[in-house]
C-alpha atoms as a PDB file:
ATOM      1  CA  MET A   1     -15.570 -72.537-143.295  1.00  0.00           C
ATOM      2  CA  ILE A   2     -13.094 -69.754-143.974  1.00  0.00           C
ATOM      3  CA  ASP A   3     -14.369 -66.237-143.479  1.00  0.00           C
ATOM      4  CA  PHE A   4     -13.475 -64.663-146.818  1.00  0.00           C
ATOM      5  CA  PHE A   5     -14.364 -61.177-145.631  1.00  0.00           C
ATOM      6  CA  ALA A   6     -11.838 -61.365-142.789  1.00  0.00           C
ATOM      7  CA  LEU A   7      -9.140 -62.674-145.141  1.00  0.00           C
ATOM      8  CA  ALA A   8      -9.858 -59.988-147.742  1.00  0.00           C
ATOM      9  CA  LEU A   9      -9.916 -57.242-145.131  1.00  0.00           C
ATOM     10  CA  THR A  10      -6.622 -58.181-143.495  1.00  0.00           C
ATOM     11  CA  HIS A  11      -4.809 -58.780-146.779  1.00  0.00           C
ATOM     12  CA  GLY A  12      -6.224 -55.561-148.205  1.00  0.00           C
ATOM     13  CA  LEU A  13      -5.010 -53.570-145.201  1.00  0.00           C
ATOM     14  CA  LEU A  14      -1.553 -55.151-145.463  1.00  0.00           C
ATOM     15  CA  ALA A  15      -1.402 -54.298-149.166  1.00  0.00           C
ATOM     16  CA  LEU A  16      -2.506 -50.728-148.436  1.00  0.00           C
ATOM     17  CA  ALA A  17       0.187 -50.338-145.769  1.00  0.00           C
ATOM     18  CA  CYS A  18       2.863 -51.690-148.140  1.00  0.00           C
ATOM     19  CA  LEU A  19       1.755 -49.308-150.896  1.00  0.00           C
ATOM     20  CA  ARG A  20       1.816 -46.306-148.582  1.00  0.00           C
ATOM     21  CA  ILE A  21       5.334 -47.208-147.405  1.00  0.00           C
ATOM     22  CA  LEU A  22       6.619 -47.771-150.942  1.00  0.00           C
ATOM     23  CA  LEU A  23       5.153 -44.516-152.272  1.00  0.00           C
ATOM     24  CA  ARG A  24       6.811 -42.303-149.647  1.00  0.00           C
ATOM     25  CA  SER A  25       9.083 -39.657-151.125  1.00  0.00           C
ATOM     26  CA  ASP A  26      11.721 -39.891-148.399  1.00  0.00           C
ATOM     27  CA  LEU A  27      12.583 -43.470-149.385  1.00  0.00           C
ATOM     28  CA  ASP A  28      14.647 -42.144-152.291  1.00  0.00           C
ATOM     29  CA  GLU A  29      16.871 -39.885-150.186  1.00  0.00           C
ATOM     30  CA  GLU A  30      20.441 -40.994-149.581  1.00  0.00           C
ATOM     31  CA  ALA A  31      21.358 -38.867-146.584  1.00  0.00           C
ATOM     32  CA  ALA A  32      24.570 -39.558-144.705  1.00  0.00           C
ATOM     33  CA  PRO A  33      24.003 -41.137-141.303  1.00  0.00           C
ATOM     34  CA  GLN A  34      24.228 -38.730-138.394  1.00  0.00           C
ATOM     35  CA  ARG A  35      27.134 -39.353-136.036  1.00  0.00           C
ATOM     36  CA  PRO A  36      26.370 -39.078-132.338  1.00  0.00           C
ATOM     37  CA  ALA A  37      27.987 -36.241-130.432  1.00  0.00           C
ATOM     38  CA  ALA A  38      31.221 -36.967-128.592  1.00  0.00           C
ATOM     39  CA  PRO A  39      30.598 -38.008-124.995  1.00  0.00           C
ATOM     40  CA  GLU A  40      31.419 -35.474-122.320  1.00  0.00           C
ATOM     41  CA  PRO A  41      34.400 -36.243-120.092  1.00  0.00           C
ATOM     42  CA  PRO A  42      33.505 -37.317-116.563  1.00  0.00           C
ATOM     43  CA  ALA A  43      33.102 -34.484-114.090  1.00  0.00           C
ATOM     44  CA  GLU A  44      35.769 -33.889-111.475  1.00  0.00           C
ATOM     45  CA  PRO A  45      34.777 -35.279-108.063  1.00  0.00           C
ATOM     46  CA  LEU A  46      33.879 -32.754-105.397  1.00  0.00           C
ATOM     47  CA  PRO A  47      36.559 -32.160-102.760  1.00  0.00           C
ATOM     48  CA  GLY A  48      36.084 -34.142 -99.580  1.00  0.00           C
ATOM     49  CA  LEU A  49      34.099 -36.971-101.217  1.00  0.00           C
ATOM     50  CA  ARG A  50      35.526 -40.442-101.457  1.00  0.00           C
ATOM     51  CA  THR A  51      34.878 -42.664-104.421  1.00  0.00           C
ATOM     52  CA  ARG A  52      35.097 -46.419-104.241  1.00  0.00           C
ATOM     53  CA  ALA A  53      36.947 -48.306-106.893  1.00  0.00           C
END
């Protein structure tokens, strides 16, 4: 037999979560996406150290 309480509880919690997400005020904001900062150039190697290619 199906446990109606468990079904009602889980579906109720899912509906509550969906309502809370849909009623958020920041969903209506159309902000421009932030661009990441330009990467830093590689540091100069220290004198006397060899680097392998």
